N, C-alpha and C. Protein backbone atom coordinates (compact mmCIF):
# COMPACT_ATOMS: atom_id res chain seq x y z
N MET A 1 0.93 -0.93 -0.05
CA MET A 1 0.04 0.18 0.08
C MET A 1 1.04 1.51 -0.10
N ILE A 2 0.52 2.20 -0.96
CA ILE A 2 1.26 3.54 -0.85
C ILE A 2 1.15 4.23 0.45
N THR A 3 1.92 4.69 1.04
CA THR A 3 1.82 5.53 2.39
C THR A 3 1.90 7.00 2.08
N ASN A 4 2.81 7.44 1.44
CA ASN A 4 3.15 8.73 1.28
C ASN A 4 4.07 9.04 -0.10
N ILE A 5 3.99 10.15 -0.38
CA ILE A 5 5.17 10.84 -1.48
C ILE A 5 6.58 11.03 -0.61
N SER A 6 7.47 10.47 -1.14
CA SER A 6 8.66 10.47 -0.42
C SER A 6 9.83 11.26 -1.21
N LEU A 7 9.41 11.29 -2.66
CA LEU A 7 10.62 11.84 -3.41
C LEU A 7 10.12 12.68 -4.65
N VAL A 8 10.36 13.86 -4.96
CA VAL A 8 10.28 14.36 -6.17
C VAL A 8 11.49 15.07 -6.79
N SER A 9 11.41 14.95 -8.21
CA SER A 9 12.75 15.28 -8.91
C SER A 9 12.62 16.59 -9.37
N VAL A 10 13.66 17.42 -9.49
CA VAL A 10 13.48 18.86 -10.07
C VAL A 10 14.70 18.93 -10.97
N PHE A 11 14.50 19.13 -12.16
CA PHE A 11 15.63 19.09 -13.36
C PHE A 11 16.08 20.59 -13.05
N VAL A 12 17.35 20.48 -12.80
CA VAL A 12 18.45 21.61 -12.60
C VAL A 12 19.50 21.76 -13.60
N LYS A 13 20.01 23.16 -13.97
CA LYS A 13 21.07 23.12 -15.02
C LYS A 13 22.54 22.65 -14.36
N ASP A 14 22.68 23.08 -13.01
CA ASP A 14 23.92 22.72 -12.43
C ASP A 14 23.73 22.28 -10.93
N ILE A 15 23.98 21.12 -10.52
CA ILE A 15 23.62 20.54 -9.15
C ILE A 15 24.46 21.43 -8.03
N ASP A 16 25.51 21.68 -8.40
CA ASP A 16 26.27 22.28 -7.06
C ASP A 16 25.47 23.94 -6.90
N GLU A 17 25.30 24.79 -8.12
CA GLU A 17 24.78 25.90 -7.89
C GLU A 17 23.31 25.91 -7.47
N SER A 18 22.28 24.66 -7.60
CA SER A 18 21.08 24.36 -7.35
C SER A 18 21.10 23.93 -5.81
N LEU A 19 21.98 23.27 -5.50
CA LEU A 19 22.06 22.79 -4.05
C LEU A 19 22.48 24.04 -3.28
N LYS A 20 23.07 24.99 -3.75
CA LYS A 20 23.53 26.21 -2.71
C LYS A 20 22.20 27.22 -2.73
N PHE A 21 21.47 27.21 -4.07
CA PHE A 21 20.23 27.83 -3.98
C PHE A 21 19.31 27.37 -2.81
N TYR A 22 18.96 26.10 -3.10
CA TYR A 22 17.89 25.37 -2.50
C TYR A 22 18.29 25.38 -0.71
N THR A 23 19.61 25.35 -0.43
CA THR A 23 19.85 25.52 1.00
C THR A 23 20.29 26.87 1.41
N GLU A 24 20.98 27.86 0.73
CA GLU A 24 21.33 29.01 1.41
C GLU A 24 19.99 30.33 1.14
N VAL A 25 19.47 29.93 0.18
CA VAL A 25 18.31 30.84 -0.35
C VAL A 25 16.95 30.43 0.20
N LEU A 26 16.80 29.09 0.04
CA LEU A 26 15.40 28.63 0.42
C LEU A 26 15.27 28.06 1.75
N GLY A 27 16.35 27.71 2.16
CA GLY A 27 16.26 27.15 3.68
C GLY A 27 16.15 25.64 3.61
N PHE A 28 16.38 25.00 2.53
CA PHE A 28 16.22 23.43 2.77
C PHE A 28 17.70 22.91 3.36
N GLU A 29 17.53 21.65 3.62
CA GLU A 29 18.92 21.21 4.08
C GLU A 29 19.26 20.02 3.21
N ALA A 30 20.63 19.81 2.98
CA ALA A 30 21.30 18.92 2.36
C ALA A 30 21.18 17.62 2.84
N LYS A 31 20.63 16.55 2.31
CA LYS A 31 20.63 15.26 2.61
C LYS A 31 21.54 14.26 1.92
N ASP A 32 21.31 13.70 1.01
CA ASP A 32 22.33 12.90 0.31
C ASP A 32 22.95 13.58 -0.89
N ASP A 33 24.34 13.29 -1.07
CA ASP A 33 25.06 13.92 -2.28
C ASP A 33 26.14 12.75 -2.55
N LEU A 34 25.69 11.85 -3.68
CA LEU A 34 26.50 10.72 -3.89
C LEU A 34 26.97 10.71 -5.20
N GLN A 35 27.93 10.49 -5.82
CA GLN A 35 28.08 9.97 -7.19
C GLN A 35 28.06 8.74 -7.47
N LEU A 36 27.27 8.22 -8.34
CA LEU A 36 26.74 6.86 -8.62
C LEU A 36 27.16 6.62 -9.98
N GLY A 37 28.32 6.28 -10.22
CA GLY A 37 28.73 6.02 -11.57
C GLY A 37 29.52 7.39 -12.24
N PRO A 38 30.05 7.27 -13.33
CA PRO A 38 30.68 8.62 -13.86
C PRO A 38 29.51 9.60 -14.20
N GLU A 39 28.43 9.04 -14.81
CA GLU A 39 27.47 10.09 -15.11
C GLU A 39 26.21 10.27 -14.35
N PHE A 40 26.23 9.98 -13.14
CA PHE A 40 25.01 10.29 -12.55
C PHE A 40 25.13 10.57 -10.95
N ARG A 41 24.84 11.60 -10.42
CA ARG A 41 24.98 12.10 -9.29
C ARG A 41 23.57 12.23 -8.48
N TRP A 42 23.54 11.76 -7.39
CA TRP A 42 22.33 11.59 -6.48
C TRP A 42 22.32 12.65 -5.46
N CYS A 43 21.60 13.62 -5.41
CA CYS A 43 21.78 15.00 -4.66
C CYS A 43 20.17 15.02 -4.04
N THR A 44 20.19 15.02 -2.99
CA THR A 44 18.77 15.56 -2.59
C THR A 44 18.95 16.57 -1.32
N VAL A 45 17.72 17.40 -1.20
CA VAL A 45 17.71 18.20 -0.12
C VAL A 45 16.13 17.83 0.64
N VAL A 46 15.83 18.57 1.72
CA VAL A 46 14.74 18.39 2.57
C VAL A 46 14.40 19.42 3.39
N HIS A 47 13.34 19.79 3.46
CA HIS A 47 12.98 21.02 4.17
C HIS A 47 12.92 20.35 5.80
N PRO A 48 13.26 21.34 6.55
CA PRO A 48 13.38 20.79 8.12
C PRO A 48 12.28 20.65 8.55
N LYS A 49 10.91 21.18 7.99
CA LYS A 49 9.60 20.97 8.58
C LYS A 49 8.84 19.80 7.93
N GLN A 50 9.74 19.16 6.89
CA GLN A 50 8.99 18.02 6.22
C GLN A 50 10.23 17.07 5.66
N PRO A 51 10.99 16.53 6.65
CA PRO A 51 12.14 15.70 6.26
C PRO A 51 11.95 14.37 5.33
N GLU A 52 10.42 14.04 5.54
CA GLU A 52 10.11 12.67 5.13
C GLU A 52 10.31 12.81 3.53
N LEU A 53 10.04 14.05 2.76
CA LEU A 53 9.87 14.37 1.50
C LEU A 53 11.35 14.89 0.78
N GLN A 54 12.01 14.11 0.18
CA GLN A 54 13.24 14.52 -0.47
C GLN A 54 12.73 15.29 -1.87
N VAL A 55 13.70 16.19 -2.03
CA VAL A 55 13.76 16.83 -3.39
C VAL A 55 15.09 16.46 -4.07
N HIS A 56 14.88 15.73 -5.12
CA HIS A 56 16.04 15.25 -5.96
C HIS A 56 16.55 16.26 -6.74
N LEU A 57 17.65 16.92 -6.80
CA LEU A 57 18.09 17.66 -7.64
C LEU A 57 18.99 17.01 -8.69
N THR A 58 18.61 17.01 -10.09
CA THR A 58 19.25 16.38 -10.97
C THR A 58 19.15 17.31 -12.29
N THR A 59 20.21 16.72 -13.29
CA THR A 59 20.50 17.45 -14.31
C THR A 59 19.78 16.20 -15.36
N PRO A 60 19.15 17.02 -16.71
CA PRO A 60 18.90 15.86 -17.74
C PRO A 60 20.05 15.12 -18.08
N SER A 61 20.16 13.79 -17.98
CA SER A 61 21.29 13.07 -18.27
C SER A 61 20.80 11.65 -18.63
N LYS A 62 21.92 10.96 -18.79
CA LYS A 62 21.65 9.37 -18.80
C LYS A 62 21.17 8.92 -17.41
N PRO A 63 20.13 8.13 -17.53
CA PRO A 63 19.70 7.03 -18.56
C PRO A 63 18.73 7.49 -19.61
N LEU A 64 18.45 8.97 -19.40
CA LEU A 64 17.53 9.48 -20.55
C LEU A 64 17.92 9.53 -22.01
N SER A 65 17.34 9.33 -22.86
CA SER A 65 17.83 9.23 -24.27
C SER A 65 18.31 10.86 -24.64
N ASP A 66 19.08 10.61 -25.67
CA ASP A 66 19.61 12.28 -25.97
C ASP A 66 18.73 13.25 -26.47
N ASP A 67 17.61 12.60 -27.31
CA ASP A 67 16.48 13.45 -27.52
C ASP A 67 15.73 14.01 -26.30
N LEU A 68 15.45 13.06 -25.38
CA LEU A 68 14.78 13.77 -24.09
C LEU A 68 15.73 14.88 -23.48
N ILE A 69 16.94 14.28 -23.29
CA ILE A 69 18.02 15.41 -22.66
C ILE A 69 17.89 16.55 -23.25
N ALA A 70 18.02 16.52 -24.50
CA ALA A 70 17.81 17.89 -25.36
C ALA A 70 16.48 18.70 -25.33
N ALA A 71 15.50 17.88 -25.09
CA ALA A 71 14.04 18.59 -25.08
C ALA A 71 14.25 19.33 -23.57
N PHE A 72 14.51 18.55 -22.52
CA PHE A 72 14.73 19.10 -21.11
C PHE A 72 15.61 20.39 -21.24
N GLN A 73 16.61 20.18 -21.86
CA GLN A 73 17.59 21.54 -21.90
C GLN A 73 17.02 22.59 -22.58
N ARG A 74 16.31 22.32 -23.73
CA ARG A 74 15.55 23.53 -24.34
C ARG A 74 14.54 24.01 -23.36
N ALA A 75 13.68 23.09 -22.75
CA ALA A 75 12.63 23.75 -21.90
C ALA A 75 13.13 24.40 -20.82
N GLN A 76 14.62 24.05 -20.24
CA GLN A 76 15.20 24.71 -19.17
C GLN A 76 15.66 26.12 -19.42
N ALA A 77 16.16 26.24 -20.60
CA ALA A 77 16.80 27.40 -21.38
C ALA A 77 15.46 28.65 -21.66
N ALA A 78 14.47 27.91 -21.92
CA ALA A 78 13.27 28.94 -22.28
C ALA A 78 12.49 28.98 -20.71
N GLY A 79 12.86 28.57 -19.57
CA GLY A 79 12.34 28.77 -18.31
C GLY A 79 10.76 28.25 -18.28
N GLY A 80 10.77 26.90 -18.91
CA GLY A 80 9.58 26.51 -18.89
C GLY A 80 9.21 25.18 -18.23
N LEU A 81 9.77 24.78 -17.31
CA LEU A 81 9.70 23.76 -16.53
C LEU A 81 9.21 24.08 -15.28
N PRO A 82 8.05 23.03 -14.68
CA PRO A 82 7.61 23.42 -13.32
C PRO A 82 8.67 22.91 -12.29
N GLY A 83 8.58 23.61 -11.31
CA GLY A 83 9.29 23.10 -10.11
C GLY A 83 8.35 22.59 -8.91
N LEU A 84 8.43 23.22 -7.67
CA LEU A 84 7.63 22.82 -6.69
C LEU A 84 6.62 24.07 -6.32
N GLY A 85 5.68 23.52 -5.44
CA GLY A 85 4.71 24.11 -4.95
C GLY A 85 5.07 24.31 -3.42
N LEU A 86 5.33 25.57 -2.94
CA LEU A 86 5.77 25.73 -1.61
C LEU A 86 4.94 26.55 -0.57
N ALA A 87 4.56 25.84 0.47
CA ALA A 87 3.31 26.47 1.25
C ALA A 87 4.07 27.53 2.38
N VAL A 88 3.65 28.55 2.45
CA VAL A 88 4.30 29.66 3.28
C VAL A 88 3.38 30.23 4.29
N ASP A 89 3.83 30.71 5.28
CA ASP A 89 2.90 31.21 6.30
C ASP A 89 2.54 32.73 6.02
N ASP A 90 3.34 33.60 5.36
CA ASP A 90 3.24 34.82 5.07
C ASP A 90 3.78 35.27 3.49
N CYS A 91 2.95 35.12 2.54
CA CYS A 91 3.49 35.07 1.29
C CYS A 91 4.17 36.53 0.94
N ARG A 92 3.76 37.45 1.42
CA ARG A 92 4.17 38.84 1.18
C ARG A 92 5.58 39.01 1.89
N ALA A 93 5.52 38.69 2.94
CA ALA A 93 6.64 38.74 3.80
C ALA A 93 8.12 37.91 3.09
N THR A 94 7.30 36.62 2.75
CA THR A 94 8.34 35.61 1.87
C THR A 94 8.93 36.10 0.56
N TYR A 95 8.04 37.01 -0.09
CA TYR A 95 8.35 37.45 -1.22
C TYR A 95 9.38 38.61 -1.06
N GLU A 96 9.09 39.46 0.23
CA GLU A 96 10.05 40.50 0.24
C GLU A 96 11.62 39.96 0.73
N GLU A 97 11.50 38.86 1.56
CA GLU A 97 12.84 38.33 1.79
C GLU A 97 13.56 37.53 0.64
N LEU A 98 12.80 36.89 0.14
CA LEU A 98 13.49 36.15 -1.15
C LEU A 98 13.96 37.22 -2.48
N SER A 99 12.88 38.19 -2.59
CA SER A 99 13.41 39.31 -3.54
C SER A 99 14.68 39.95 -3.01
N ALA A 100 15.01 40.16 -1.90
CA ALA A 100 16.08 40.83 -1.15
C ALA A 100 17.19 39.69 -1.52
N LYS A 101 17.11 38.58 -1.70
CA LYS A 101 18.22 37.67 -1.87
C LYS A 101 18.54 37.40 -3.33
N GLY A 102 17.61 37.94 -4.20
CA GLY A 102 18.04 38.08 -5.57
C GLY A 102 17.19 37.14 -6.42
N VAL A 103 16.12 36.53 -5.83
CA VAL A 103 15.26 35.54 -6.44
C VAL A 103 14.41 36.33 -7.70
N GLU A 104 14.24 35.79 -8.51
CA GLU A 104 13.41 36.34 -9.56
C GLU A 104 12.07 35.78 -9.52
N PHE A 105 11.25 36.89 -9.48
CA PHE A 105 9.60 36.63 -9.35
C PHE A 105 9.06 37.04 -10.77
N ILE A 106 8.16 36.19 -11.09
CA ILE A 106 7.41 36.42 -12.32
C ILE A 106 5.78 36.85 -11.88
N GLN A 107 5.60 36.90 -10.66
CA GLN A 107 4.18 37.26 -10.40
C GLN A 107 4.39 37.73 -8.66
N THR A 108 4.28 39.09 -8.56
CA THR A 108 4.03 39.22 -7.06
C THR A 108 2.95 38.63 -6.39
N PRO A 109 3.16 38.71 -5.13
CA PRO A 109 1.88 38.19 -4.12
C PRO A 109 0.19 38.82 -4.83
N GLU A 110 -0.42 37.76 -5.06
CA GLU A 110 -1.68 38.16 -5.35
C GLU A 110 -2.65 37.46 -4.50
N GLU A 111 -3.94 37.97 -4.20
CA GLU A 111 -5.00 37.45 -3.67
C GLU A 111 -5.62 36.59 -4.72
N ARG A 112 -5.78 35.11 -4.02
CA ARG A 112 -6.48 34.14 -4.75
C ARG A 112 -7.73 33.59 -3.84
N PRO A 113 -8.79 33.02 -4.53
CA PRO A 113 -9.65 32.35 -3.44
C PRO A 113 -9.06 31.32 -2.77
N TYR A 114 -8.05 30.75 -2.88
CA TYR A 114 -7.37 29.85 -2.13
C TYR A 114 -6.39 30.42 -1.18
N GLY A 115 -5.95 31.49 -1.31
CA GLY A 115 -4.85 32.14 -0.49
C GLY A 115 -4.23 33.42 -1.19
N VAL A 116 -3.06 33.56 -0.70
CA VAL A 116 -2.05 34.74 -1.35
C VAL A 116 -1.10 33.88 -2.23
N GLU A 117 -0.67 34.02 -3.56
CA GLU A 117 0.15 33.38 -3.92
C GLU A 117 1.28 34.21 -5.07
N ALA A 118 2.18 33.79 -4.99
CA ALA A 118 3.41 34.32 -5.84
C ALA A 118 4.19 33.38 -6.55
N LEU A 119 4.55 33.79 -7.75
CA LEU A 119 5.25 32.83 -8.71
C LEU A 119 6.86 33.36 -8.89
N MET A 120 7.74 32.26 -8.45
CA MET A 120 9.07 32.75 -8.59
C MET A 120 9.83 31.62 -9.68
N ARG A 121 11.06 31.78 -9.79
CA ARG A 121 11.90 30.67 -10.57
C ARG A 121 12.96 30.52 -9.68
N ASP A 122 13.43 29.29 -9.48
CA ASP A 122 14.83 28.90 -8.89
C ASP A 122 16.05 29.20 -9.96
N ASN A 123 17.03 28.95 -9.43
CA ASN A 123 18.13 29.48 -10.20
C ASN A 123 18.41 28.82 -11.57
N SER A 124 17.61 27.73 -11.96
CA SER A 124 17.48 26.77 -13.13
C SER A 124 16.30 27.40 -13.80
N GLY A 125 15.65 28.47 -13.51
CA GLY A 125 14.57 28.76 -14.05
C GLY A 125 13.32 28.03 -14.00
N ASN A 126 13.18 27.03 -13.20
CA ASN A 126 11.88 26.47 -12.75
C ASN A 126 10.82 27.08 -12.21
N TRP A 127 9.56 26.99 -12.78
CA TRP A 127 8.46 27.79 -12.05
C TRP A 127 8.21 27.31 -10.63
N MET A 128 8.19 28.12 -9.71
CA MET A 128 7.84 27.76 -8.28
C MET A 128 6.87 28.43 -7.82
N VAL A 129 5.70 28.06 -7.18
CA VAL A 129 4.67 28.70 -6.66
C VAL A 129 4.90 28.88 -5.02
N LEU A 130 4.61 30.16 -4.63
CA LEU A 130 4.47 30.19 -3.01
C LEU A 130 3.08 30.44 -2.79
N VAL A 131 2.34 29.59 -1.86
CA VAL A 131 1.18 29.89 -1.48
C VAL A 131 0.83 29.84 0.17
N GLU A 132 0.31 30.95 0.53
CA GLU A 132 -0.30 31.28 1.96
C GLU A 132 -1.61 30.59 1.84
N PRO A 133 -2.02 29.62 2.18
CA PRO A 133 -3.44 28.98 2.10
C PRO A 133 -4.32 29.53 2.88
N ARG A 134 -5.44 29.58 2.57
CA ARG A 134 -6.54 29.75 3.24
C ARG A 134 -7.85 28.81 2.94
N GLU A 135 -8.62 28.69 3.86
CA GLU A 135 -9.94 27.85 3.49
C GLU A 135 -10.79 28.45 2.47
N TYR A 136 -11.25 27.79 1.57
CA TYR A 136 -12.17 27.90 0.49
C TYR A 136 -13.21 26.91 0.37
N THR A 137 -14.05 27.38 -0.65
CA THR A 137 -15.18 26.46 -1.03
C THR A 137 -15.31 26.63 -2.63
N PRO A 138 -15.92 25.50 -3.09
CA PRO A 138 -16.03 25.64 -4.60
C PRO A 138 -16.80 27.08 -5.13
N GLU A 139 -17.58 27.65 -4.16
CA GLU A 139 -18.45 28.86 -4.53
C GLU A 139 -17.34 30.22 -4.66
N ASP A 140 -16.33 30.03 -3.92
CA ASP A 140 -15.13 31.06 -3.97
C ASP A 140 -14.56 31.28 -5.49
N PHE A 141 -14.74 30.39 -6.22
CA PHE A 141 -14.10 30.30 -7.66
C PHE A 141 -15.32 30.80 -8.91
N GLY A 142 -16.44 31.18 -8.30
CA GLY A 142 -17.29 31.63 -9.12
C GLY A 142 -18.37 30.35 -9.42
N ASN A 143 -19.37 30.59 -10.35
CA ASN A 143 -20.44 29.93 -10.76
C ASN A 143 -19.92 28.75 -11.59
N ASP A 144 -18.81 28.80 -12.28
CA ASP A 144 -18.80 27.68 -13.02
C ASP A 144 -17.54 26.64 -12.45
N ALA A 145 -17.14 26.90 -11.04
CA ALA A 145 -16.06 25.90 -10.53
C ALA A 145 -16.90 24.51 -10.39
N ARG A 146 -16.01 23.66 -10.55
CA ARG A 146 -16.40 22.09 -10.35
C ARG A 146 -15.48 21.51 -9.37
């Protein structure tokens, strides 16, 4: 029986730089950093409040096909890959804190029916959403919500 999600992978351009970004800028903690053969590095970070969920920082590489590696690299260059959704207790304060650290935001904090949301990019261009959640009902989204 599946009990939870324990690992998510995020494609990054440079593992060392991303490890630094996720730990020094976002406040994650380094977990594993192992070289598993000449072409594969296993590097994970965890959030201190959710250590059971590992974020695997990986580059598009083997065993993926050359075509798929190239496709991921094109998507990275265009800033078109999704990253993580991060819950925050105060979206506006987190926006200010991360902006001061040089994080690129593509949407400032805005009110949504489900809370306050901002969109940022990690240092590899992945979209990341920050959400300060609040209670909501389907009616909060208008008449066409399902």
